[in-house]
Amino acid sequence: MKILIGTNWISEDEPCFELYEQDVQSPDSSGFHRYEVYRVMRGGRITEFRQDKGSVEKYRGIEPLVILGGLVYPDGRIEILETVGRMREMADQYRNHIHFDNKELAEVDNV
């Protein structure tokens, strides 16, 4: 079993392997919330930071996202290419951008 290390803080210039957003039930069972999750590199290990972004109602019509900031090589070596600050900026730009209709992208009729 793989154990994930968590943290309660991150810094803007910290190496960031991945940022993703997902809608999940909040730990206090107060409803579904959007969580922004950063996976940063600390001491040679991936460490996870989660930020509650509030009710999913605020994000209606905005798809969950995944942004990769690093590479994993066949030998298991990890190379981090981005920082928390740059990844946060990419996520903000994505959220504030008008997106294509998924049905249009899949060339499905809207009938």
C-alpha atoms as a PDB file:
ATOM      1  CA  MET A   1       0.000   0.000   0.000  1.00  0.00           C
ATOM      2  CA  LYS A   2       1.310   3.431  -0.988  1.00  0.00           C
ATOM      3  CA  ILE A   3       1.077   6.147   1.674  1.00  0.00           C
ATOM      4  CA  LEU A   4       0.451   9.714   0.532  1.00  0.00           C
ATOM      5  CA  ILE A   5       2.090  12.526   2.474  1.00  0.00           C
ATOM      6  CA  GLY A   6      -0.070  15.609   3.078  1.00  0.00           C
ATOM      7  CA  THR A   7       0.742  19.193   4.004  1.00  0.00           C
ATOM      8  CA  ASN A   8      -1.189  22.258   5.157  1.00  0.00           C
ATOM      9  CA  TRP A   9       0.895  24.851   3.288  1.00  0.00           C
ATOM     10  CA  ILE A  10       2.585  25.434  -0.069  1.00  0.00           C
ATOM     11  CA  SER A  11       4.619  28.312  -1.514  1.00  0.00           C
ATOM     12  CA  GLU A  12       4.331  29.946  -4.942  1.00  0.00           C
ATOM     13  CA  ASP A  13       7.895  29.043  -6.008  1.00  0.00           C
ATOM     14  CA  GLU A  14       7.701  25.404  -4.898  1.00  0.00           C
ATOM     15  CA  PRO A  15       8.196  22.690  -7.572  1.00  0.00           C
ATOM     16  CA  CYS A  16       4.742  21.409  -8.571  1.00  0.00           C
ATOM     17  CA  PHE A  17       4.215  18.023 -10.221  1.00  0.00           C
ATOM     18  CA  GLU A  18       0.453  18.284 -10.738  1.00  0.00           C
ATOM     19  CA  LEU A  19      -2.580  20.456 -10.076  1.00  0.00           C
ATOM     20  CA  TYR A  20      -6.083  19.116 -10.388  1.00  0.00           C
ATOM     21  CA  GLU A  21      -9.574  20.167  -9.396  1.00  0.00           C
ATOM     22  CA  GLN A  22     -12.349  17.788  -8.525  1.00  0.00           C
ATOM     23  CA  ASP A  23     -15.815  17.852  -6.995  1.00  0.00           C
ATOM     24  CA  VAL A  24     -16.057  15.669  -3.884  1.00  0.00           C
ATOM     25  CA  GLN A  25     -18.067  15.389  -0.700  1.00  0.00           C
ATOM     26  CA  SER A  26     -16.508  17.663   1.928  1.00  0.00           C
ATOM     27  CA  PRO A  27     -15.042  15.932   5.017  1.00  0.00           C
ATOM     28  CA  ASP A  28     -17.723  17.459   7.276  1.00  0.00           C
ATOM     29  CA  SER A  29     -20.512  16.131   4.984  1.00  0.00           C
ATOM     30  CA  SER A  30     -21.762  19.661   4.277  1.00  0.00           C
ATOM     31  CA  GLY A  31     -22.221  18.902   0.583  1.00  0.00           C
ATOM     32  CA  PHE A  32     -20.101  18.613  -2.530  1.00  0.00           C
ATOM     33  CA  HIS A  33     -17.264  21.109  -2.847  1.00  0.00           C
ATOM     34  CA  ARG A  34     -14.647  21.847  -5.517  1.00  0.00           C
ATOM     35  CA  TYR A  35     -11.159  21.035  -4.256  1.00  0.00           C
ATOM     36  CA  GLU A  36      -7.959  22.317  -5.811  1.00  0.00           C
ATOM     37  CA  VAL A  37      -5.209  19.759  -5.213  1.00  0.00           C
ATOM     38  CA  TYR A  38      -1.502  20.467  -5.626  1.00  0.00           C
ATOM     39  CA  ARG A  39       1.106  17.718  -5.671  1.00  0.00           C
ATOM     40  CA  VAL A  40       4.464  19.274  -4.854  1.00  0.00           C
ATOM     41  CA  MET A  41       7.939  17.783  -4.532  1.00  0.00           C
ATOM     42  CA  ARG A  42       9.390  17.894  -1.008  1.00  0.00           C
ATOM     43  CA  GLY A  43      12.461  16.023   0.086  1.00  0.00           C
ATOM     44  CA  GLY A  44      12.341  13.809  -2.989  1.00  0.00           C
ATOM     45  CA  ARG A  45       8.725  12.759  -2.361  1.00  0.00           C
ATOM     46  CA  ILE A  46       5.417  13.942  -3.734  1.00  0.00           C
ATOM     47  CA  THR A  47       3.364  15.757  -1.084  1.00  0.00           C
ATOM     48  CA  GLU A  48      -0.293  16.738  -1.478  1.00  0.00           C
ATOM     49  CA  PHE A  49      -1.998  20.003  -0.517  1.00  0.00           C
ATOM     50  CA  ARG A  50      -5.800  20.371  -0.798  1.00  0.00           C
ATOM     51  CA  GLN A  51      -7.684  23.644  -0.845  1.00  0.00           C
ATOM     52  CA  ASP A  52     -11.469  23.796  -0.486  1.00  0.00           C
ATOM     53  CA  LYS A  53     -12.730  26.216  -3.164  1.00  0.00           C
ATOM     54  CA  GLY A  54     -16.344  26.165  -1.945  1.00  0.00           C
ATOM     55  CA  SER A  55     -19.636  24.727  -3.108  1.00  0.00           C
ATOM     56  CA  VAL A  56     -19.770  23.079  -6.531  1.00  0.00           C
ATOM     57  CA  GLU A  57     -22.634  25.477  -7.345  1.00  0.00           C
ATOM     58  CA  LYS A  58     -20.038  28.247  -7.856  1.00  0.00           C
ATOM     59  CA  TYR A  59     -18.355  26.104 -10.527  1.00  0.00           C
ATOM     60  CA  ARG A  60     -21.416  24.997 -12.492  1.00  0.00           C
ATOM     61  CA  GLY A  61     -20.428  24.662 -16.162  1.00  0.00           C
ATOM     62  CA  ILE A  62     -16.690  24.603 -15.390  1.00  0.00           C
ATOM     63  CA  GLU A  63     -15.223  21.158 -15.962  1.00  0.00           C
ATOM     64  CA  PRO A  64     -12.780  19.697 -13.426  1.00  0.00           C
ATOM     65  CA  LEU A  65      -9.213  20.052 -14.670  1.00  0.00           C
ATOM     66  CA  VAL A  66      -5.824  18.358 -14.555  1.00  0.00           C
ATOM     67  CA  ILE A  67      -2.578  20.198 -15.314  1.00  0.00           C
ATOM     68  CA  LEU A  68       0.696  18.300 -15.319  1.00  0.00           C
ATOM     69  CA  GLY A  69       3.825  20.132 -14.257  1.00  0.00           C
ATOM     70  CA  GLY A  70       6.324  17.304 -14.420  1.00  0.00           C
ATOM     71  CA  LEU A  71       7.466  14.172 -16.188  1.00  0.00           C
ATOM     72  CA  VAL A  72       7.964  10.597 -15.020  1.00  0.00           C
ATOM     73  CA  TYR A  73      10.606   8.664 -16.938  1.00  0.00           C
ATOM     74  CA  PRO A  74      10.526   4.879 -17.563  1.00  0.00           C
ATOM     75  CA  ASP A  75      13.257   4.400 -14.933  1.00  0.00           C
ATOM     76  CA  GLY A  76      10.982   6.065 -12.310  1.00  0.00           C
ATOM     77  CA  ARG A  77      12.875   9.344 -12.233  1.00  0.00           C
ATOM     78  CA  ILE A  78      10.668  12.448 -11.819  1.00  0.00           C
ATOM     79  CA  GLU A  79      11.447  15.844 -13.371  1.00  0.00           C
ATOM     80  CA  ILE A  80       9.470  18.878 -12.209  1.00  0.00           C
ATOM     81  CA  LEU A  81       9.035  21.609 -14.840  1.00  0.00           C
ATOM     82  CA  GLU A  82       6.582  24.014 -13.152  1.00  0.00           C
ATOM     83  CA  THR A  83       5.995  25.846  -9.879  1.00  0.00           C
ATOM     84  CA  VAL A  84       2.879  26.219  -7.739  1.00  0.00           C
ATOM     85  CA  GLY A  85       2.528  29.863  -8.838  1.00  0.00           C
ATOM     86  CA  ARG A  86       2.654  29.093 -12.554  1.00  0.00           C
ATOM     87  CA  MET A  87       0.276  26.151 -12.191  1.00  0.00           C
ATOM     88  CA  ARG A  88      -2.177  28.307 -10.199  1.00  0.00           C
ATOM     89  CA  GLU A  89      -2.023  30.940 -12.944  1.00  0.00           C
ATOM     90  CA  MET A  90      -2.771  28.301 -15.625  1.00  0.00           C
ATOM     91  CA  ALA A  91      -5.777  27.019 -13.641  1.00  0.00           C
ATOM     92  CA  ASP A  92      -7.118  30.572 -13.186  1.00  0.00           C
ATOM     93  CA  GLN A  93      -6.774  31.256 -16.914  1.00  0.00           C
ATOM     94  CA  TYR A  94      -8.594  28.015 -17.728  1.00  0.00           C
ATOM     95  CA  ARG A  95     -11.454  28.769 -15.341  1.00  0.00           C
ATOM     96  CA  ASN A  96     -11.895  32.318 -16.684  1.00  0.00           C
ATOM     97  CA  HIS A  97     -11.810  31.320 -20.357  1.00  0.00           C
ATOM     98  CA  ILE A  98     -14.895  30.582 -22.472  1.00  0.00           C
ATOM     99  CA  HIS A  99     -14.712  26.913 -23.431  1.00  0.00           C
ATOM    100  CA  PHE A 100     -15.985  24.912 -26.354  1.00  0.00           C
ATOM    101  CA  ASP A 101     -19.106  22.843 -25.934  1.00  0.00           C
ATOM    102  CA  ASN A 102     -18.004  19.226 -25.323  1.00  0.00           C
ATOM    103  CA  LYS A 103     -20.726  17.984 -27.690  1.00  0.00           C
ATOM    104  CA  GLU A 104     -19.382  20.274 -30.405  1.00  0.00           C
ATOM    105  CA  LEU A 105     -15.850  18.953 -29.858  1.00  0.00           C
ATOM    106  CA  ALA A 106     -17.119  15.373 -30.130  1.00  0.00           C
ATOM    107  CA  GLU A 107     -19.145  16.333 -33.243  1.00  0.00           C
ATOM    108  CA  VAL A 108     -22.386  15.127 -31.637  1.00  0.00           C
ATOM    109  CA  ASP A 109     -25.676  16.697 -32.667  1.00  0.00           C
ATOM    110  CA  ASN A 110     -27.360  18.708 -29.937  1.00  0.00           C
ATOM    111  CA  VAL A 111     -30.721  17.069 -30.703  1.00  0.00           C
END
